[in-house]
Every structure is written in structure tokens, then in C-alpha cells.
Amino acid sequence: MVRKLFALLCAPVIVFSLTAAAPAQEKIHKNANEGRWEGNVVRSNPKKSTLTVRRVDSNVEKIVHYDSGTRWVSQEHGSKKFNDIDPTQVKDNDRVIARGIWDKGVLYATLISKRLSHSD
């Protein structure tokens, strides 16, 4: 009798802990593909909605895809303030930081930030 009562009291705790852990595991897995790529724009292709960005410290290039849902901003180095911009304001040789989702070595950007030097 005591064992049955104990089992009845423990069952909800076990079920709750398993259901609470499932979304946390899903979130960890979901965030595994989130990424960032920073460097200078080498090539832009508006027809394909891509930027080829070369990392400054290693000369490695990655393709960054964007779409109508990508947010474009500019930000001065060291500043917390940013301004919304149009994609046409990002040109070759501009320094950018792209954030998004990695898929097979390609970054699908949700945010592209053009970095402004103090002279821009």
C-alpha cells in the first residue's frame, strides 16, 4: 500500500520533469545551427541575394544569403546605436557582421550589420 501511494505521488513529478526537459532539448538543438560571420564584402550578387564575405584574420570566404526578411542595419564601431538601412547601401569592401542560420557552410542571414568607421 505504501509503495503504491509512493508511486502515485512520484509519477506526476517524473512526468512533469520529462515534459519540461523536452523543450529545453529542442531549444539546444535548434540553436546549434545559429551562427555569425564577420568580414569584408568581396562580391555582392543582388540577383541571387548573396554576399561573399571574406574573414579578415584568415582570408576564408563564406556565402551569406539574404531575403526580404533579413534586417539591415549600420552601426559605428563601439556604439550601441544602430540605424536601419537599405540593402543597396552595402557595397564591396564594406565590413559586415551577418547573423543567421548555418546550413551546409552557407549562412542564411536574419541580420546584416554594416560596420561604420569613425570617418564614414
PDB file of N, CA and C in Angstrom:
ATOM      1  N   MET A   1       0.813  -1.198   0.000  1.00  0.00           N
ATOM      2  CA  MET A   1       0.000   0.000   0.000  1.00  0.00           C
ATOM      3  C   MET A   1       0.856   1.262   0.000  1.00  0.00           C
ATOM      4  N   VAL A   2       1.887   1.265   0.849  1.00  0.00           N
ATOM      5  CA  VAL A   2       2.769   2.426   0.923  1.00  0.00           C
ATOM      6  C   VAL A   2       3.509   2.598  -0.400  1.00  0.00           C
ATOM      7  N   ARG A   3       3.911   1.495  -1.006  1.00  0.00           N
ATOM      8  CA  ARG A   3       4.614   1.574  -2.294  1.00  0.00           C
ATOM      9  C   ARG A   3       3.710   2.135  -3.387  1.00  0.00           C
ATOM     10  N   LYS A   4       2.461   1.712  -3.388  1.00  0.00           N
ATOM     11  CA  LYS A   4       1.528   2.219  -4.393  1.00  0.00           C
ATOM     12  C   LYS A   4       1.298   3.715  -4.208  1.00  0.00           C
ATOM     13  N   LEU A   5       1.148   4.138  -2.960  1.00  0.00           N
ATOM     14  CA  LEU A   5       0.951   5.544  -2.670  1.00  0.00           C
ATOM     15  C   LEU A   5       2.176   6.358  -3.081  1.00  0.00           C
ATOM     16  N   PHE A   6       3.353   5.825  -2.779  1.00  0.00           N
ATOM     17  CA  PHE A   6       4.606   6.478  -3.161  1.00  0.00           C
ATOM     18  C   PHE A   6       4.711   6.600  -4.688  1.00  0.00           C
ATOM     19  N   ALA A   7       4.349   5.539  -5.402  1.00  0.00           N
ATOM     20  CA  ALA A   7       4.399   5.540  -6.862  1.00  0.00           C
ATOM     21  C   ALA A   7       3.421   6.561  -7.438  1.00  0.00           C
ATOM     22  N   LEU A   8       2.238   6.646  -6.842  1.00  0.00           N
ATOM     23  CA  LEU A   8       1.251   7.618  -7.310  1.00  0.00           C
ATOM     24  C   LEU A   8       1.716   9.057  -7.081  1.00  0.00           C
ATOM     25  N   LEU A   9       2.427   9.295  -6.013  1.00  0.00           N
ATOM     26  CA  LEU A   9       2.926  10.635  -5.730  1.00  0.00           C
ATOM     27  C   LEU A   9       4.129  10.990  -6.600  1.00  0.00           C
ATOM     28  N   CYS A  10       4.949  10.021  -6.928  1.00  0.00           N
ATOM     29  CA  CYS A  10       6.152  10.271  -7.734  1.00  0.00           C
ATOM     30  C   CYS A  10       5.860  10.370  -9.227  1.00  0.00           C
ATOM     31  N   ALA A  11       4.826   9.702  -9.691  1.00  0.00           N
ATOM     32  CA  ALA A  11       4.531   9.682 -11.128  1.00  0.00           C
ATOM     33  C   ALA A  11       4.352  11.086 -11.708  1.00  0.00           C
ATOM     34  N   PRO A  12       3.560  11.963 -11.088  1.00  0.00           N
ATOM     35  CA  PRO A  12       3.423  13.309 -11.673  1.00  0.00           C
ATOM     36  C   PRO A  12       4.742  14.080 -11.719  1.00  0.00           C
ATOM     37  N   VAL A  13       5.596  13.894 -10.723  1.00  0.00           N
ATOM     38  CA  VAL A  13       6.887  14.580 -10.695  1.00  0.00           C
ATOM     39  C   VAL A  13       7.753  14.101 -11.857  1.00  0.00           C
ATOM     40  N   ILE A  14       7.767  12.832 -12.099  1.00  0.00           N
ATOM     41  CA  ILE A  14       8.567  12.264 -13.184  1.00  0.00           C
ATOM     42  C   ILE A  14       8.028  12.726 -14.537  1.00  0.00           C
ATOM     43  N   VAL A  15       6.718  12.661 -14.709  1.00  0.00           N
ATOM     44  CA  VAL A  15       6.119  13.089 -15.980  1.00  0.00           C
ATOM     45  C   VAL A  15       6.397  14.573 -16.219  1.00  0.00           C
ATOM     46  N   PHE A  16       6.234  15.398 -15.198  1.00  0.00           N
ATOM     47  CA  PHE A  16       6.478  16.831 -15.346  1.00  0.00           C
ATOM     48  C   PHE A  16       7.935  17.111 -15.705  1.00  0.00           C
ATOM     49  N   SER A  17       8.872  16.433 -15.055  1.00  0.00           N
ATOM     50  CA  SER A  17      10.285  16.683 -15.344  1.00  0.00           C
ATOM     51  C   SER A  17      10.643  16.261 -16.765  1.00  0.00           C
ATOM     52  N   LEU A  18      10.037  15.204 -17.272  1.00  0.00           N
ATOM     53  CA  LEU A  18      10.313  14.777 -18.645  1.00  0.00           C
ATOM     54  C   LEU A  18       9.733  15.751 -19.654  1.00  0.00           C
ATOM     55  N   THR A  19       8.525  16.257 -19.401  1.00  0.00           N
ATOM     56  CA  THR A  19       7.922  17.191 -20.346  1.00  0.00           C
ATOM     57  C   THR A  19       8.603  18.553 -20.296  1.00  0.00           C
ATOM     58  N   ALA A  20       9.115  18.925 -19.140  1.00  0.00           N
ATOM     59  CA  ALA A  20       9.815  20.208 -19.027  1.00  0.00           C
ATOM     60  C   ALA A  20      11.176  20.142 -19.714  1.00  0.00           C
ATOM     61  N   ALA A  21      11.804  18.988 -19.729  1.00  0.00           N
ATOM     62  CA  ALA A  21      13.122  18.841 -20.338  1.00  0.00           C
ATOM     63  C   ALA A  21      13.046  18.798 -21.860  1.00  0.00           C
ATOM     64  N   ALA A  22      11.942  18.347 -22.417  1.00  0.00           N
ATOM     65  CA  ALA A  22      11.831  18.216 -23.872  1.00  0.00           C
ATOM     66  C   ALA A  22      11.987  19.545 -24.599  1.00  0.00           C
ATOM     67  N   PRO A  23      11.290  20.624 -24.212  1.00  0.00           N
ATOM     68  CA  PRO A  23      11.502  21.890 -24.917  1.00  0.00           C
ATOM     69  C   PRO A  23      12.927  22.425 -24.767  1.00  0.00           C
ATOM     70  N   ALA A  24      13.545  22.183 -23.621  1.00  0.00           N
ATOM     71  CA  ALA A  24      14.919  22.641 -23.433  1.00  0.00           C
ATOM     72  C   ALA A  24      15.859  21.920 -24.396  1.00  0.00           C
ATOM     73  N   GLN A  25      15.663  20.641 -24.578  1.00  0.00           N
ATOM     74  CA  GLN A  25      16.489  19.889 -25.523  1.00  0.00           C
ATOM     75  C   GLN A  25      16.249  20.376 -26.948  1.00  0.00           C
ATOM     76  N   GLU A  26      14.980  20.653 -27.267  1.00  0.00           N
ATOM     77  CA  GLU A  26      14.658  21.148 -28.603  1.00  0.00           C
ATOM     78  C   GLU A  26      15.313  22.503 -28.840  1.00  0.00           C
ATOM     79  N   LYS A  27      15.329  23.368 -27.829  1.00  0.00           N
ATOM     80  CA  LYS A  27      15.942  24.682 -27.958  1.00  0.00           C
ATOM     81  C   LYS A  27      17.451  24.563 -28.160  1.00  0.00           C
ATOM     82  N   ILE A  28      18.098  23.672 -27.431  1.00  0.00           N
ATOM     83  CA  ILE A  28      19.536  23.460 -27.589  1.00  0.00           C
ATOM     84  C   ILE A  28      19.834  22.990 -29.011  1.00  0.00           C
ATOM     85  N   HIS A  29      19.046  22.044 -29.499  1.00  0.00           N
ATOM     86  CA  HIS A  29      19.251  21.527 -30.856  1.00  0.00           C
ATOM     87  C   HIS A  29      18.972  22.620 -31.892  1.00  0.00           C
ATOM     88  N   LYS A  30      17.925  23.392 -31.659  1.00  0.00           N
ATOM     89  CA  LYS A  30      17.562  24.448 -32.593  1.00  0.00           C
ATOM     90  C   LYS A  30      18.656  25.512 -32.680  1.00  0.00           C
ATOM     91  N   ASN A  31      19.267  25.861 -31.560  1.00  0.00           N
ATOM     92  CA  ASN A  31      20.296  26.887 -31.533  1.00  0.00           C
ATOM     93  C   ASN A  31      21.638  26.403 -32.057  1.00  0.00           C
ATOM     94  N   ALA A  32      21.779  25.105 -32.272  1.00  0.00           N
ATOM     95  CA  ALA A  32      23.056  24.554 -32.703  1.00  0.00           C
ATOM     96  C   ALA A  32      23.482  25.094 -34.065  1.00  0.00           C
ATOM     97  N   ASN A  33      22.520  25.476 -34.910  1.00  0.00           N
ATOM     98  CA  ASN A  33      22.859  25.957 -36.252  1.00  0.00           C
ATOM     99  C   ASN A  33      22.926  27.475 -36.348  1.00  0.00           C
ATOM    100  N   GLU A  34      22.643  28.166 -35.251  1.00  0.00           N
ATOM    101  CA  GLU A  34      22.731  29.621 -35.289  1.00  0.00           C
ATOM    102  C   GLU A  34      24.186  30.027 -35.426  1.00  0.00           C
ATOM    103  N   GLY A  35      24.424  31.087 -36.205  1.00  0.00           N
ATOM    104  CA  GLY A  35      25.806  31.464 -36.416  1.00  0.00           C
ATOM    105  C   GLY A  35      26.002  32.918 -36.743  1.00  0.00           C
ATOM    106  N   ARG A  36      27.271  33.243 -36.922  1.00  0.00           N
ATOM    107  CA  ARG A  36      27.697  34.612 -37.191  1.00  0.00           C
ATOM    108  C   ARG A  36      28.910  34.543 -38.105  1.00  0.00           C
ATOM    109  N   TRP A  37      29.004  35.480 -39.020  1.00  0.00           N
ATOM    110  CA  TRP A  37      30.172  35.572 -39.895  1.00  0.00           C
ATOM    111  C   TRP A  37      30.506  37.050 -40.059  1.00  0.00           C
ATOM    112  N   GLU A  38      31.781  37.368 -39.902  1.00  0.00           N
ATOM    113  CA  GLU A  38      32.220  38.751 -39.937  1.00  0.00           C
ATOM    114  C   GLU A  38      33.379  38.902 -40.899  1.00  0.00           C
ATOM    115  N   GLY A  39      33.360  39.969 -41.675  1.00  0.00           N
ATOM    116  CA  GLY A  39      34.462  40.236 -42.589  1.00  0.00           C
ATOM    117  C   GLY A  39      34.100  41.314 -43.583  1.00  0.00           C
ATOM    118  N   ASN A  40      34.858  41.345 -44.677  1.00  0.00           N
ATOM    119  CA  ASN A  40      34.651  42.342 -45.729  1.00  0.00           C
ATOM    120  C   ASN A  40      33.916  41.715 -46.903  1.00  0.00           C
ATOM    121  N   VAL A  41      32.992  42.476 -47.476  1.00  0.00           N
ATOM    122  CA  VAL A  41      32.250  42.003 -48.641  1.00  0.00           C
ATOM    123  C   VAL A  41      33.200  41.971 -49.829  1.00  0.00           C
ATOM    124  N   VAL A  42      33.337  40.802 -50.431  1.00  0.00           N
ATOM    125  CA  VAL A  42      34.188  40.630 -51.602  1.00  0.00           C
ATOM    126  C   VAL A  42      33.357  40.790 -52.875  1.00  0.00           C
ATOM    127  N   ARG A  43      32.166  40.182 -52.866  1.00  0.00           N
ATOM    128  CA  ARG A  43      31.257  40.243 -54.009  1.00  0.00           C
ATOM    129  C   ARG A  43      29.826  40.308 -53.489  1.00  0.00           C
ATOM    130  N   SER A  44      29.015  41.063 -54.205  1.00  0.00           N
ATOM    131  CA  SER A  44      27.585  41.042 -53.910  1.00  0.00           C
ATOM    132  C   SER A  44      26.851  40.666 -55.184  1.00  0.00           C
ATOM    133  N   ASN A  45      25.809  39.872 -55.025  1.00  0.00           N
ATOM    134  CA  ASN A  45      25.018  39.441 -56.164  1.00  0.00           C
ATOM    135  C   ASN A  45      23.541  39.647 -55.829  1.00  0.00           C
ATOM    136  N   PRO A  46      23.000  40.828 -56.143  1.00  0.00           N
ATOM    137  CA  PRO A  46      21.602  41.102 -55.818  1.00  0.00           C
ATOM    138  C   PRO A  46      20.615  40.148 -56.495  1.00  0.00           C
ATOM    139  N   LYS A  47      20.951  39.640 -57.678  1.00  0.00           N
ATOM    140  CA  LYS A  47      20.045  38.716 -58.372  1.00  0.00           C
ATOM    141  C   LYS A  47      19.880  37.412 -57.599  1.00  0.00           C
ATOM    142  N   LYS A  48      20.958  36.956 -56.987  1.00  0.00           N
ATOM    143  CA  LYS A  48      20.914  35.724 -56.194  1.00  0.00           C
ATOM    144  C   LYS A  48      20.721  36.005 -54.709  1.00  0.00           C
ATOM    145  N   SER A  49      20.675  37.274 -54.339  1.00  0.00           N
ATOM    146  CA  SER A  49      20.537  37.694 -52.934  1.00  0.00           C
ATOM    147  C   SER A  49      21.646  37.094 -52.066  1.00  0.00           C
ATOM    148  N   THR A  50      22.894  37.299 -52.517  1.00  0.00           N
ATOM    149  CA  THR A  50      24.031  36.780 -51.763  1.00  0.00           C
ATOM    150  C   THR A  50      25.126  37.829 -51.613  1.00  0.00           C
ATOM    151  N   LEU A  51      25.872  37.680 -50.541  1.00  0.00           N
ATOM    152  CA  LEU A  51      27.112  38.414 -50.332  1.00  0.00           C
ATOM    153  C   LEU A  51      28.195  37.374 -50.101  1.00  0.00           C
ATOM    154  N   THR A  52      29.356  37.564 -50.689  1.00  0.00           N
ATOM    155  CA  THR A  52      30.509  36.737 -50.367  1.00  0.00           C
ATOM    156  C   THR A  52      31.356  37.567 -49.418  1.00  0.00           C
ATOM    157  N   VAL A  53      31.558  37.031 -48.219  1.00  0.00           N
ATOM    158  CA  VAL A  53      32.237  37.784 -47.160  1.00  0.00           C
ATOM    159  C   VAL A  53      33.529  37.067 -46.790  1.00  0.00           C
ATOM    160  N   ARG A  54      34.641  37.812 -46.840  1.00  0.00           N
ATOM    161  CA  ARG A  54      35.964  37.265 -46.511  1.00  0.00           C
ATOM    162  C   ARG A  54      36.347  37.698 -45.102  1.00  0.00           C
ATOM    163  N   ARG A  55      36.671  36.720 -44.295  1.00  0.00           N
ATOM    164  CA  ARG A  55      37.116  36.987 -42.928  1.00  0.00           C
ATOM    165  C   ARG A  55      38.488  37.656 -42.985  1.00  0.00           C
ATOM    166  N   VAL A  56      38.687  38.659 -42.187  1.00  0.00           N
ATOM    167  CA  VAL A  56      39.921  39.444 -42.244  1.00  0.00           C
ATOM    168  C   VAL A  56      41.120  38.653 -41.733  1.00  0.00           C
ATOM    169  N   ASP A  57      40.956  37.941 -40.638  1.00  0.00           N
ATOM    170  CA  ASP A  57      42.092  37.275 -39.997  1.00  0.00           C
ATOM    171  C   ASP A  57      42.545  35.987 -40.680  1.00  0.00           C
ATOM    172  N   SER A  58      41.705  35.395 -41.539  1.00  0.00           N
ATOM    173  CA  SER A  58      42.091  34.116 -42.134  1.00  0.00           C
ATOM    174  C   SER A  58      41.899  34.046 -43.645  1.00  0.00           C
ATOM    175  N   ASN A  59      41.335  35.067 -44.247  1.00  0.00           N
ATOM    176  CA  ASN A  59      41.057  35.089 -45.682  1.00  0.00           C
ATOM    177  C   ASN A  59      40.109  33.986 -46.142  1.00  0.00           C
ATOM    178  N   VAL A  60      39.329  33.408 -45.234  1.00  0.00           N
ATOM    179  CA  VAL A  60      38.327  32.405 -45.591  1.00  0.00           C
ATOM    180  C   VAL A  60      37.069  33.133 -46.034  1.00  0.00           C
ATOM    181  N   GLU A  61      36.484  32.670 -47.141  1.00  0.00           N
ATOM    182  CA  GLU A  61      35.270  33.289 -47.673  1.00  0.00           C
ATOM    183  C   GLU A  61      34.070  32.389 -47.433  1.00  0.00           C
ATOM    184  N   LYS A  62      32.936  33.011 -47.088  1.00  0.00           N
ATOM    185  CA  LYS A  62      31.665  32.301 -46.928  1.00  0.00           C
ATOM    186  C   LYS A  62      30.590  33.077 -47.669  1.00  0.00           C
ATOM    187  N   ILE A  63      29.598  32.353 -48.149  1.00  0.00           N
ATOM    188  CA  ILE A  63      28.462  32.976 -48.820  1.00  0.00           C
ATOM    189  C   ILE A  63      27.374  33.234 -47.792  1.00  0.00           C
ATOM    190  N   VAL A  64      26.853  34.455 -47.831  1.00  0.00           N
ATOM    191  CA  VAL A  64      25.760  34.853 -46.952  1.00  0.00           C
ATOM    192  C   VAL A  64      24.541  35.118 -47.827  1.00  0.00           C
ATOM    193  N   HIS A  65      23.469  34.345 -47.608  1.00  0.00           N
ATOM    194  CA  HIS A  65      22.212  34.559 -48.330  1.00  0.00           C
ATOM    195  C   HIS A  65      21.319  35.469 -47.511  1.00  0.00           C
ATOM    196  N   TYR A  66      20.561  36.305 -48.197  1.00  0.00           N
ATOM    197  CA  TYR A  66      19.587  37.151 -47.528  1.00  0.00           C
ATOM    198  C   TYR A  66      18.280  37.104 -48.297  1.00  0.00           C
ATOM    199  N   ASP A  67      17.210  37.571 -47.652  1.00  0.00           N
ATOM    200  CA  ASP A  67      15.906  37.629 -48.309  1.00  0.00           C
ATOM    201  C   ASP A  67      15.137  38.829 -47.775  1.00  0.00           C
ATOM    202  N   SER A  68      13.879  38.904 -48.088  1.00  0.00           N
ATOM    203  CA  SER A  68      13.076  40.058 -47.678  1.00  0.00           C
ATOM    204  C   SER A  68      12.910  40.138 -46.162  1.00  0.00           C
ATOM    205  N   GLY A  69      13.132  39.042 -45.466  1.00  0.00           N
ATOM    206  CA  GLY A  69      13.020  39.039 -44.012  1.00  0.00           C
ATOM    207  C   GLY A  69      14.302  39.430 -43.296  1.00  0.00           C
ATOM    208  N   THR A  70      15.387  39.603 -44.032  1.00  0.00           N
ATOM    209  CA  THR A  70      16.663  39.978 -43.423  1.00  0.00           C
ATOM    210  C   THR A  70      16.619  41.433 -42.996  1.00  0.00           C
ATOM    211  N   ARG A  71      17.051  41.685 -41.779  1.00  0.00           N
ATOM    212  CA  ARG A  71      17.116  43.063 -41.287  1.00  0.00           C
ATOM    213  C   ARG A  71      18.507  43.619 -41.589  1.00  0.00           C
ATOM    214  N   TRP A  72      18.549  44.836 -42.127  1.00  0.00           N
ATOM    215  CA  TRP A  72      19.795  45.503 -42.499  1.00  0.00           C
ATOM    216  C   TRP A  72      19.973  46.713 -41.599  1.00  0.00           C
ATOM    217  N   VAL A  73      21.135  46.816 -40.961  1.00  0.00           N
ATOM    218  CA  VAL A  73      21.426  47.948 -40.078  1.00  0.00           C
ATOM    219  C   VAL A  73      22.860  48.413 -40.305  1.00  0.00           C
ATOM    220  N   SER A  74      23.140  49.639 -39.872  1.00  0.00           N
ATOM    221  CA  SER A  74      24.514  50.125 -39.839  1.00  0.00           C
ATOM    222  C   SER A  74      24.808  50.524 -38.406  1.00  0.00           C
ATOM    223  N   GLN A  75      26.069  50.358 -38.032  1.00  0.00           N
ATOM    224  CA  GLN A  75      26.454  50.652 -36.655  1.00  0.00           C
ATOM    225  C   GLN A  75      27.899  51.105 -36.630  1.00  0.00           C
ATOM    226  N   GLU A  76      28.144  52.187 -35.923  1.00  0.00           N
ATOM    227  CA  GLU A  76      29.502  52.686 -35.775  1.00  0.00           C
ATOM    228  C   GLU A  76      30.259  51.806 -34.796  1.00  0.00           C
ATOM    229  N   HIS A  77      31.537  51.601 -35.049  1.00  0.00           N
ATOM    230  CA  HIS A  77      32.367  50.756 -34.193  1.00  0.00           C
ATOM    231  C   HIS A  77      32.307  51.247 -32.751  1.00  0.00           C
ATOM    232  N   GLY A  78      32.007  50.342 -31.833  1.00  0.00           N
ATOM    233  CA  GLY A  78      31.964  50.668 -30.412  1.00  0.00           C
ATOM    234  C   GLY A  78      30.678  51.318 -29.948  1.00  0.00           C
ATOM    235  N   SER A  79      29.747  51.551 -30.845  1.00  0.00           N
ATOM    236  CA  SER A  79      28.490  52.202 -30.482  1.00  0.00           C
ATOM    237  C   SER A  79      27.396  51.167 -30.253  1.00  0.00           C
ATOM    238  N   LYS A  80      26.459  51.509 -29.400  1.00  0.00           N
ATOM    239  CA  LYS A  80      25.302  50.637 -29.186  1.00  0.00           C
ATOM    240  C   LYS A  80      24.129  51.071 -30.059  1.00  0.00           C
ATOM    241  N   LYS A  81      24.236  52.244 -30.680  1.00  0.00           N
ATOM    242  CA  LYS A  81      23.184  52.766 -31.533  1.00  0.00           C
ATOM    243  C   LYS A  81      23.344  52.231 -32.950  1.00  0.00           C
ATOM    244  N   PHE A  82      22.227  51.856 -33.550  1.00  0.00           N
ATOM    245  CA  PHE A  82      22.266  51.400 -34.934  1.00  0.00           C
ATOM    246  C   PHE A  82      21.126  52.034 -35.712  1.00  0.00           C
ATOM    247  N   ASN A  83      21.294  52.058 -37.029  1.00  0.00           N
ATOM    248  CA  ASN A  83      20.297  52.644 -37.928  1.00  0.00           C
ATOM    249  C   ASN A  83      19.866  51.602 -38.940  1.00  0.00           C
ATOM    250  N   ASP A  84      18.572  51.566 -39.242  1.00  0.00           N
ATOM    251  CA  ASP A  84      18.090  50.693 -40.306  1.00  0.00           C
ATOM    252  C   ASP A  84      18.559  51.264 -41.642  1.00  0.00           C
ATOM    253  N   ILE A  85      19.009  50.373 -42.525  1.00  0.00           N
ATOM    254  CA  ILE A  85      19.480  50.792 -43.839  1.00  0.00           C
ATOM    255  C   ILE A  85      18.845  49.930 -44.915  1.00  0.00           C
ATOM    256  N   ASP A  86      19.066  50.312 -46.138  1.00  0.00           N
ATOM    257  CA  ASP A  86      18.603  49.584 -47.307  1.00  0.00           C
ATOM    258  C   ASP A  86      19.724  48.651 -47.767  1.00  0.00           C
ATOM    259  N   PRO A  87      19.419  47.462 -48.280  1.00  0.00           N
ATOM    260  CA  PRO A  87      20.474  46.550 -48.746  1.00  0.00           C
ATOM    261  C   PRO A  87      21.411  47.156 -49.781  1.00  0.00           C
ATOM    262  N   THR A  88      20.929  48.117 -50.547  1.00  0.00           N
ATOM    263  CA  THR A  88      21.777  48.731 -51.579  1.00  0.00           C
ATOM    264  C   THR A  88      22.890  49.579 -50.971  1.00  0.00           C
ATOM    265  N   GLN A  89      22.824  49.866 -49.684  1.00  0.00           N
ATOM    266  CA  GLN A  89      23.853  50.658 -49.023  1.00  0.00           C
ATOM    267  C   GLN A  89      25.073  49.830 -48.633  1.00  0.00           C
ATOM    268  N   VAL A  90      25.006  48.520 -48.793  1.00  0.00           N
ATOM    269  CA  VAL A  90      26.160  47.656 -48.522  1.00  0.00           C
ATOM    270  C   VAL A  90      26.859  47.382 -49.847  1.00  0.00           C
ATOM    271  N   LYS A  91      28.112  47.787 -49.918  1.00  0.00           N
ATOM    272  CA  LYS A  91      28.898  47.686 -51.153  1.00  0.00           C
ATOM    273  C   LYS A  91      30.099  46.762 -50.939  1.00  0.00           C
ATOM    274  N   ASP A  92      30.766  46.420 -52.046  1.00  0.00           N
ATOM    275  CA  ASP A  92      32.004  45.644 -51.957  1.00  0.00           C
ATOM    276  C   ASP A  92      33.013  46.403 -51.100  1.00  0.00           C
ATOM    277  N   ASN A  93      33.789  45.668 -50.331  1.00  0.00           N
ATOM    278  CA  ASN A  93      34.807  46.156 -49.396  1.00  0.00           C
ATOM    279  C   ASN A  93      34.239  46.681 -48.078  1.00  0.00           C
ATOM    280  N   ASP A  94      32.910  46.747 -47.924  1.00  0.00           N
ATOM    281  CA  ASP A  94      32.332  47.149 -46.644  1.00  0.00           C
ATOM    282  C   ASP A  94      32.524  46.026 -45.625  1.00  0.00           C
ATOM    283  N   ARG A  95      32.737  46.415 -44.388  1.00  0.00           N
ATOM    284  CA  ARG A  95      32.855  45.433 -43.298  1.00  0.00           C
ATOM    285  C   ARG A  95      31.458  45.156 -42.772  1.00  0.00           C
ATOM    286  N   VAL A  96      31.104  43.869 -42.650  1.00  0.00           N
ATOM    287  CA  VAL A  96      29.782  43.481 -42.177  1.00  0.00           C
ATOM    288  C   VAL A  96      29.882  42.371 -41.128  1.00  0.00           C
ATOM    289  N   ILE A  97      28.845  42.298 -40.330  1.00  0.00           N
ATOM    290  CA  ILE A  97      28.630  41.163 -39.433  1.00  0.00           C
ATOM    291  C   ILE A  97      27.277  40.595 -39.808  1.00  0.00           C
ATOM    292  N   ALA A  98      27.244  39.317 -40.136  1.00  0.00           N
ATOM    293  CA  ALA A  98      25.989  38.659 -40.506  1.00  0.00           C
ATOM    294  C   ALA A  98      25.644  37.620 -39.448  1.00  0.00           C
ATOM    295  N   ARG A  99      24.397  37.603 -39.025  1.00  0.00           N
ATOM    296  CA  ARG A  99      23.896  36.605 -38.078  1.00  0.00           C
ATOM    297  C   ARG A  99      22.745  35.867 -38.739  1.00  0.00           C
ATOM    298  N   GLY A 100      22.670  34.568 -38.478  1.00  0.00           N
ATOM    299  CA  GLY A 100      21.602  33.778 -39.063  1.00  0.00           C
ATOM    300  C   GLY A 100      21.744  32.313 -38.749  1.00  0.00           C
ATOM    301  N   ILE A 101      21.360  31.482 -39.703  1.00  0.00           N
ATOM    302  CA  ILE A 101      21.354  30.027 -39.554  1.00  0.00           C
ATOM    303  C   ILE A 101      22.315  29.417 -40.572  1.00  0.00           C
ATOM    304  N   TRP A 102      23.218  28.572 -40.092  1.00  0.00           N
ATOM    305  CA  TRP A 102      24.148  27.865 -40.979  1.00  0.00           C
ATOM    306  C   TRP A 102      23.464  26.640 -41.560  1.00  0.00           C
ATOM    307  N   ASP A 103      23.683  26.399 -42.846  1.00  0.00           N
ATOM    308  CA  ASP A 103      23.227  25.177 -43.500  1.00  0.00           C
ATOM    309  C   ASP A 103      24.235  24.816 -44.576  1.00  0.00           C
ATOM    310  N   LYS A 104      24.962  23.746 -44.372  1.00  0.00           N
ATOM    311  CA  LYS A 104      25.952  23.244 -45.330  1.00  0.00           C
ATOM    312  C   LYS A 104      26.977  24.300 -45.714  1.00  0.00           C
ATOM    313  N   GLY A 105      27.483  25.027 -44.728  1.00  0.00           N
ATOM    314  CA  GLY A 105      28.530  26.005 -44.967  1.00  0.00           C
ATOM    315  C   GLY A 105      28.064  27.349 -45.488  1.00  0.00           C
ATOM    316  N   VAL A 106      26.743  27.527 -45.605  1.00  0.00           N
ATOM    317  CA  VAL A 106      26.172  28.780 -46.080  1.00  0.00           C
ATOM    318  C   VAL A 106      25.378  29.391 -44.931  1.00  0.00           C
ATOM    319  N   LEU A 107      25.527  30.705 -44.747  1.00  0.00           N
ATOM    320  CA  LEU A 107      24.792  31.402 -43.701  1.00  0.00           C
ATOM    321  C   LEU A 107      23.568  32.066 -44.314  1.00  0.00           C
ATOM    322  N   TYR A 108      22.387  31.738 -43.801  1.00  0.00           N
ATOM    323  CA  TYR A 108      21.140  32.367 -44.213  1.00  0.00           C
ATOM    324  C   TYR A 108      20.851  33.453 -43.191  1.00  0.00           C
ATOM    325  N   ALA A 109      21.095  34.702 -43.588  1.00  0.00           N
ATOM    326  CA  ALA A 109      21.126  35.820 -42.645  1.00  0.00           C
ATOM    327  C   ALA A 109      19.739  36.285 -42.228  1.00  0.00           C
ATOM    328  N   THR A 110      19.604  36.519 -40.935  1.00  0.00           N
ATOM    329  CA  THR A 110      18.431  37.190 -40.392  1.00  0.00           C
ATOM    330  C   THR A 110      18.768  38.648 -40.089  1.00  0.00           C
ATOM    331  N   LEU A 111      20.061  38.942 -39.942  1.00  0.00           N
ATOM    332  CA  LEU A 111      20.530  40.298 -39.667  1.00  0.00           C
ATOM    333  C   LEU A 111      21.874  40.515 -40.338  1.00  0.00           C
ATOM    334  N   ILE A 112      22.017  41.623 -41.042  1.00  0.00           N
ATOM    335  CA  ILE A 112      23.302  42.022 -41.604  1.00  0.00           C
ATOM    336  C   ILE A 112      23.585  43.429 -41.108  1.00  0.00           C
ATOM    337  N   SER A 113      24.717  43.573 -40.427  1.00  0.00           N
ATOM    338  CA  SER A 113      25.098  44.852 -39.846  1.00  0.00           C
ATOM    339  C   SER A 113      26.325  45.393 -40.561  1.00  0.00           C
ATOM    340  N   LYS A 114      26.162  46.546 -41.199  1.00  0.00           N
ATOM    341  CA  LYS A 114      27.295  47.215 -41.844  1.00  0.00           C
ATOM    342  C   LYS A 114      28.032  47.991 -40.759  1.00  0.00           C
ATOM    343  N   ARG A 115      29.326  47.768 -40.663  1.00  0.00           N
ATOM    344  CA  ARG A 115      30.121  48.430 -39.627  1.00  0.00           C
ATOM    345  C   ARG A 115      30.677  49.715 -40.190  1.00  0.00           C
ATOM    346  N   LEU A 116      30.460  50.789 -39.480  1.00  0.00           N
ATOM    347  CA  LEU A 116      30.933  52.104 -39.909  1.00  0.00           C
ATOM    348  C   LEU A 116      32.178  52.478 -39.138  1.00  0.00           C
ATOM    349  N   SER A 117      33.173  52.980 -39.826  1.00  0.00           N
ATOM    350  CA  SER A 117      34.341  53.520 -39.137  1.00  0.00           C
ATOM    351  C   SER A 117      33.987  54.932 -38.701  1.00  0.00           C
ATOM    352  N   HIS A 118      34.847  55.537 -37.925  1.00  0.00           N
ATOM    353  CA  HIS A 118      34.578  56.884 -37.442  1.00  0.00           C
ATOM    354  C   HIS A 118      34.540  57.899 -38.579  1.00  0.00           C
ATOM    355  N   SER A 119      35.149  57.584 -39.716  1.00  0.00           N
ATOM    356  CA  SER A 119      35.208  58.524 -40.844  1.00  0.00           C
ATOM    357  C   SER A 119      34.008  58.391 -41.781  1.00  0.00           C
ATOM    358  N   ASP A 120      33.187  57.318 -41.667  1.00  0.00           N
ATOM    359  CA  ASP A 120      32.035  57.142 -42.569  1.00  0.00           C
ATOM    360  C   ASP A 120      30.913  58.090 -42.235  1.00  0.00           C
TER     361      ASP A 120
END
